[in-house]
Protein backbone atom coordinates (compact mmCIF):
# COMPACT_ATOMS: atom_id res chain seq x y z
CA MET A 1 -9.00 -5.69 5.44
CA LYS A 2 -6.32 -3.10 6.08
CA HIS A 3 -7.19 0.60 6.16
CA ALA A 4 -4.92 3.52 5.24
CA VAL A 5 -6.19 7.10 5.51
CA SER A 6 -4.68 10.25 4.05
CA ILE A 7 -5.88 13.33 5.91
CA SER A 8 -5.18 16.27 3.63
CA ILE A 9 -5.36 20.01 4.19
CA GLY A 10 -6.23 20.22 0.50
CA SER A 11 -9.65 20.46 -1.10
CA SER A 12 -12.37 18.02 -0.06
CA LYS A 13 -13.46 17.93 -3.71
CA ARG A 14 -10.57 15.53 -4.35
CA ASN A 15 -11.76 12.98 -1.76
CA LYS A 16 -11.79 9.37 -2.91
CA THR A 17 -11.86 5.84 -1.51
CA VAL A 18 -10.53 2.79 -3.37
CA GLU A 19 -9.76 -0.81 -2.43
CA ILE A 20 -6.51 -2.25 -3.77
CA SER A 21 -4.49 -5.43 -3.36
CA LEU A 22 -0.96 -5.04 -1.99
CA LEU A 23 1.43 -7.70 -0.71
CA GLY A 24 -1.41 -10.21 -0.59
CA GLU A 25 -3.62 -7.90 1.49
CA THR A 26 -6.74 -5.95 0.57
CA VAL A 27 -6.19 -2.34 1.56
CA ARG A 28 -8.86 0.33 1.69
CA ILE A 29 -7.21 3.65 0.86
CA GLU A 30 -9.16 6.75 1.75
CA ARG A 31 -8.38 10.42 1.18
CA ILE A 32 -10.14 13.04 3.36
CA GLY A 33 -9.62 16.74 2.63
CA THR A 34 -10.18 19.52 5.17
CA ASP A 35 -10.18 22.53 2.79
CA GLY A 36 -7.18 24.17 4.44
CA ASP A 37 -8.41 23.70 8.02
CA LEU A 38 -5.38 22.50 10.01
CA GLU A 39 -7.27 22.09 13.28
CA LYS A 40 -9.94 19.96 11.61
CA ALA A 41 -7.14 17.75 10.27
CA ALA A 42 -5.65 17.47 13.77
CA GLN A 43 -9.01 16.37 15.19
CA LEU A 44 -9.45 13.74 12.46
CA TYR A 45 -6.03 12.30 13.29
CA ARG A 46 -7.05 12.12 16.95
CA GLU A 47 -10.38 10.44 16.17
CA LEU A 48 -8.86 7.81 13.89
CA ASP A 49 -5.62 7.16 15.81
CA GLY A 50 -5.42 3.46 16.59
CA GLN A 51 -8.49 2.75 14.43
CA VAL A 52 -6.64 2.58 11.11
CA ASP A 53 -3.41 0.88 10.06
CA ALA A 54 -1.51 3.88 8.67
CA PHE A 55 -1.90 7.61 8.20
CA GLY A 56 -0.80 9.77 5.29
CA VAL A 57 -0.29 13.51 5.69
CA GLY A 58 -1.71 15.09 2.54
CA GLY A 59 -1.70 18.54 0.99
CA THR A 60 1.57 19.32 2.73
CA ASP A 61 4.76 17.73 4.01
CA LEU A 62 5.97 17.22 7.55
CA GLY A 63 9.27 18.54 6.27
CA PHE A 64 11.74 18.46 3.39
CA LEU A 65 14.46 15.86 2.89
CA VAL A 66 17.22 17.53 0.87
CA GLY A 67 20.23 15.27 0.44
CA ASN A 68 20.54 13.58 3.80
CA ARG A 69 19.34 16.57 5.79
CA TRP A 70 15.82 16.88 7.21
CA TYR A 71 14.14 20.28 7.50
CA PRO A 72 10.90 20.03 9.56
CA LEU A 73 7.95 22.26 8.69
CA HIS A 74 7.19 23.76 12.08
CA SER A 75 3.82 25.18 11.05
CA ILE A 76 2.60 21.70 10.07
CA ARG A 77 3.82 19.54 12.96
CA GLN A 78 0.79 20.54 15.04
CA ILE A 79 -1.65 18.57 12.90
CA THR A 80 -0.27 15.19 14.04
CA ARG A 81 0.23 16.18 17.68
CA PHE A 82 -2.50 13.85 18.94
CA VAL A 83 -1.28 10.70 17.15
CA ARG A 84 0.04 8.06 19.55
CA HIS A 85 -0.54 4.67 17.94
CA THR A 86 -0.88 4.73 14.14
CA PRO A 87 2.28 5.23 12.02
CA VAL A 88 2.33 8.50 10.06
CA VAL A 89 4.03 9.18 6.72
CA ASP A 90 3.93 12.18 4.38
CA GLY A 91 5.25 10.63 1.18
CA ASN A 92 8.91 11.52 1.61
CA GLY A 93 9.75 7.82 1.60
CA LEU A 94 8.29 7.24 -1.87
CA LYS A 95 9.63 10.57 -3.13
CA ALA A 96 13.11 9.27 -2.30
CA THR A 97 12.61 5.75 -3.67
CA LEU A 98 9.73 5.42 -6.15
CA GLU A 99 9.62 8.80 -7.88
CA PRO A 100 13.19 8.71 -9.27
CA ARG A 101 12.24 5.54 -11.15
CA ALA A 102 9.81 7.61 -13.25
CA LEU A 103 12.74 9.06 -15.19
CA HIS A 104 13.21 5.66 -16.86
CA ALA A 105 9.86 6.24 -18.59
CA LEU A 106 11.35 9.18 -20.52
CA ARG A 107 12.97 6.63 -22.82
CA GLN A 108 9.49 5.88 -24.15
CA VAL A 109 8.87 9.53 -25.05
CA ALA A 110 12.35 10.57 -26.19
CA GLU A 111 11.00 12.17 -29.38
CA ALA A 112 9.23 14.77 -27.21
CA LEU A 113 12.52 15.94 -25.66
CA PRO A 114 14.43 17.64 -28.50
CA ARG A 115 16.26 20.07 -26.19
CA LYS A 116 16.52 17.77 -23.15
CA THR A 117 15.46 20.66 -20.93
CA ALA A 118 13.47 20.34 -17.72
CA LEU A 119 11.66 22.53 -15.21
CA VAL A 120 11.34 21.10 -11.71
CA THR A 121 8.79 23.40 -10.10
CA THR A 122 10.20 22.87 -6.60
CA ALA A 123 13.18 20.63 -5.86
CA VAL A 124 13.17 20.77 -2.06
CA ASP A 125 9.97 18.71 -1.89
CA ARG A 126 10.97 16.45 -4.80
CA TRP A 127 14.67 15.92 -4.12
CA GLY A 128 14.72 12.39 -5.52
CA LEU A 129 13.02 13.51 -8.72
CA ALA A 130 15.32 16.53 -9.05
CA ARG A 131 18.46 14.43 -8.61
CA ALA A 132 17.19 11.81 -11.05
CA ALA A 133 16.43 14.47 -13.69
CA GLU A 134 19.92 15.89 -13.37
CA GLU A 135 21.53 12.45 -13.47
CA ALA A 136 19.48 11.59 -16.58
CA GLY A 137 21.32 14.36 -18.44
CA LEU A 138 18.48 16.87 -18.55
CA ARG A 139 19.42 20.56 -18.41
CA CYS A 140 17.39 21.55 -15.38
CA THR A 141 15.83 24.70 -14.06
CA PHE A 142 14.73 24.44 -10.43
CA GLY A 143 11.88 26.81 -9.63
CA ASP A 144 11.96 26.88 -5.83
CA LEU A 145 12.55 30.62 -5.57
CA ILE A 146 10.28 31.35 -8.53
CA TYR A 147 7.14 29.45 -7.56
CA SER A 148 7.41 29.18 -3.77
CA LEU A 149 8.68 32.66 -2.95
CA GLY A 150 7.81 34.65 -6.08
CA ILE A 151 11.44 35.55 -6.81
CA PRO A 152 12.17 35.03 -10.54
CA LEU A 153 15.66 33.59 -10.04
CA PRO A 154 16.20 30.11 -11.50
CA ILE A 155 18.61 27.65 -9.90
CA ARG A 156 20.45 25.37 -12.31
CA THR A 157 22.03 22.64 -10.16
CA THR A 158 21.04 20.43 -7.25
CA ARG A 159 24.17 21.67 -5.50
CA GLY A 160 22.60 25.13 -5.63
CA ILE A 161 19.42 23.68 -4.14
CA ARG A 162 21.39 22.21 -1.22
CA VAL A 163 22.90 25.63 -0.49
CA LEU A 164 19.52 27.35 -0.84
CA ALA A 165 17.89 24.82 1.48
CA ALA A 166 20.56 25.24 4.16
CA VAL A 167 20.17 29.03 4.09
CA LEU A 168 16.42 29.51 3.64
CA LEU A 169 14.53 26.45 4.89
CA PRO A 170 15.23 27.04 8.59
CA LEU A 171 13.46 30.39 8.11
CA VAL A 172 10.80 29.48 5.54
CA SER A 173 9.76 26.41 7.53
CA ARG A 174 8.46 28.71 10.26
CA LEU A 175 6.18 30.70 7.94
CA PRO A 176 2.46 29.88 7.70
CA PHE A 177 2.28 27.08 5.15
CA HIS A 178 -0.33 28.79 2.97
CA TRP A 179 2.19 31.56 2.26
CA VAL A 180 4.28 29.20 0.13
CA TYR A 181 1.83 26.54 -1.07
CA PRO A 182 -1.82 26.62 -2.22
CA VAL A 183 -4.19 24.93 0.23
CA GLY A 184 -7.92 24.21 0.23
CA GLU A 185 -9.93 25.83 -2.55
CA SER A 186 -6.93 27.84 -3.79
CA GLN A 187 -5.50 24.60 -5.20
CA GLY A 188 -8.07 24.75 -7.99
CA LYS A 189 -7.23 28.29 -9.09
CA ARG A 190 -5.05 28.96 -12.14
CA HIS A 191 -2.50 31.77 -11.95
CA PRO A 192 0.03 31.51 -14.82
CA THR A 193 3.29 32.95 -13.52
CA HIS A 194 6.80 33.36 -14.97
CA THR A 195 5.68 31.17 -17.84
CA ARG A 196 8.91 31.57 -19.82
CA PHE A 197 10.45 28.87 -17.64
CA PHE A 198 7.69 26.48 -18.73
CA ASP A 199 8.17 27.55 -22.36
CA GLN A 200 11.90 26.74 -22.23
CA ALA A 201 11.39 23.20 -20.91
CA ASP A 202 10.58 19.97 -22.74
CA VAL A 203 9.55 18.22 -19.53
CA ILE A 204 7.90 19.64 -16.43
CA LEU A 205 8.37 17.74 -13.17
CA GLY A 206 6.95 18.25 -9.70
CA ASP A 207 3.86 18.81 -7.62
CA CYS A 208 0.63 18.68 -9.64
CA HIS A 209 -0.89 21.67 -7.84
CA TYR A 210 2.12 23.84 -8.65
CA ILE A 211 2.14 22.78 -12.30
CA TYR A 212 -1.63 23.27 -12.69
CA ARG A 213 -1.58 26.64 -10.94
CA TYR A 214 1.38 28.28 -12.68
CA MET A 215 1.60 26.73 -16.15
CA PRO A 216 0.74 28.79 -19.27
CA GLU A 217 -2.35 28.18 -21.37
CA ASN A 218 -0.19 26.73 -24.15
CA MET A 219 1.76 23.61 -23.15
CA GLN A 220 2.00 22.24 -26.68
CA GLY A 221 4.17 19.14 -26.93
CA LYS A 222 5.27 19.12 -23.28
CA VAL A 223 5.85 16.10 -21.05
CA ILE A 224 4.63 16.30 -17.44
CA ILE A 225 5.88 14.03 -14.65
CA THR A 226 3.73 14.32 -11.53
CA ASN A 227 1.09 12.55 -9.43
CA THR A 228 -2.17 13.24 -7.53
CA THR A 229 -3.88 13.77 -10.88
CA THR A 230 -7.66 13.67 -11.21
CA PRO A 231 -9.59 13.22 -14.48
CA GLU A 232 -10.19 16.99 -14.38
CA ASP A 233 -6.45 17.67 -14.18
CA VAL A 234 -5.82 15.35 -17.11
CA ALA A 235 -8.48 17.15 -19.15
CA VAL A 236 -6.82 20.52 -18.50
CA PHE A 237 -3.41 19.14 -19.47
CA ARG A 238 -4.87 17.67 -22.67
CA GLU A 239 -6.62 20.91 -23.62
CA SER A 240 -3.41 22.89 -23.08
CA GLY A 241 -1.55 20.65 -25.53
CA VAL A 242 0.48 18.45 -23.17
CA ARG A 243 1.68 15.48 -25.20
CA TYR A 244 2.58 12.97 -22.49
CA LEU A 245 1.59 12.67 -18.85
CA ILE A 246 3.74 10.39 -16.70
CA THR A 247 2.38 9.65 -13.23
CA THR A 248 4.78 8.40 -10.58
CA THR A 249 2.14 6.51 -8.58
CA PRO A 250 -0.43 4.01 -9.90
CA VAL A 251 -3.62 5.30 -11.53
CA LEU A 252 -6.60 3.84 -9.64
CA GLU A 253 -10.11 4.43 -11.00
CA GLY A 254 -8.87 7.42 -12.98
CA ARG A 255 -6.95 8.92 -10.07
CA SER A 256 -3.24 9.00 -9.29
CA PHE A 257 -3.02 9.21 -5.51
CA GLY A 258 -0.31 11.15 -3.70
CA THR A 259 2.89 9.60 -2.43
CA ASN A 260 1.67 10.01 1.14
CA MET A 261 -1.41 7.90 0.43
CA MET A 262 0.51 5.15 -1.34
CA GLU A 263 3.27 5.10 1.28
CA ALA A 264 0.61 4.73 3.98
CA ALA A 265 -0.98 1.91 1.95
CA ILE A 266 2.35 0.07 1.83
CA LEU A 267 2.76 0.41 5.60
CA ALA A 268 -0.78 -0.84 6.16
CA ALA A 269 -0.33 -3.85 3.87
CA SER A 270 3.03 -4.77 5.39
CA GLY A 271 1.79 -4.55 8.97
CA ARG A 272 4.70 -2.31 9.94
CA LYS A 273 3.91 -0.35 13.11
CA THR A 274 7.31 1.19 13.83
CA PRO A 275 7.06 5.00 13.80
CA VAL A 276 8.66 6.57 10.73
CA ASP A 277 11.25 9.26 11.47
CA TYR A 278 12.51 10.90 8.28
CA ALA A 279 15.21 12.75 10.23
CA HIS A 280 16.66 9.40 11.36
CA PRO A 281 15.31 6.87 8.85
CA GLY A 282 17.64 3.99 9.67
CA ASP A 283 16.91 1.18 7.19
CA TYR A 284 13.47 2.55 6.26
CA PHE A 285 14.34 3.63 2.70
CA THR A 286 16.13 0.33 2.03
CA TRP A 287 13.08 -1.52 3.34
CA LEU A 288 10.82 0.54 1.05
CA ASN A 289 13.02 -0.03 -1.99
CA ASN A 290 12.98 -3.78 -1.38
CA LEU A 291 9.18 -3.78 -1.14
CA LEU A 292 8.84 -1.67 -4.29
CA ASP A 293 10.73 -4.36 -6.18
CA GLN A 294 7.86 -6.72 -5.27
CA LEU A 295 5.03 -4.33 -6.14
CA PRO A 296 3.52 -3.45 -9.54
CA PHE A 297 4.26 0.25 -8.99
CA THR A 298 5.52 1.40 -12.37
CA PRO A 299 5.18 4.87 -13.91
CA LYS A 300 2.13 5.19 -16.16
CA VAL A 301 2.67 6.95 -19.48
CA GLN A 302 -0.45 8.51 -21.02
CA GLU A 303 -0.35 10.01 -24.50
CA LEU A 304 -2.82 12.87 -24.34
CA GLN A 305 -2.74 13.96 -27.98
CA ALA A 306 -3.28 10.59 -29.64
């Protein structure tokens, strides 16, 4: 049996272990949260290095891939400093290859998109999804300044996101990560913020923690495209009036795991041991896309108001 482990700086309440079949292999996928403790995460990576087939970095990213440019998150790199043997991924591979395919599922819910408007909570960590939304003809609002930095200035094009990334990410990437993203127990806290941007959108795309944290109480008729959903998240979305939930990764025992976990599972099943370097990916994304064509990884559409 293969073993893939996602070590997350998120809440330990979301821990889960599931066995799945991929590429003819049984893979045990395990998520371990450290409740925001970066040093505990680093020690877990050290303890398990060489003992498991692939690592996922959860609750954060190692960096942001915007266009073809890689922006490392300097405050996060320390957590994998002890890893020498096991390949490490943070989900950027599936964000670039699998997540854009979720936009095809919008054809099934077209009646819920009268204005064809979209809010992407943060585009720098979901570049593939942001580009796909724009290319699908949706009128997009990108909330990177709004929800990461608290500046209520919407960005309307992915070109604007490229410019923003080039100017701000070299600086923001050196800030403590918890300044720009909820970690540990704070992930479970609701704080509706600048809700008019949610109100104006038919479809909300992006990180589940951001959506859960900042969305208004009333999400009547909305479509959400995200992942890492738990049954509790789904219940909150249903109660708020969300009509359709589209998850970009498979739902396993009621849980949609993060892209980092599923990317690690693919590496484990394939037996690939070559280190993954998102700054210089080589043929890695092509390799992933080819494998995805062989896997039953299709977006799951759930109607929550049936």
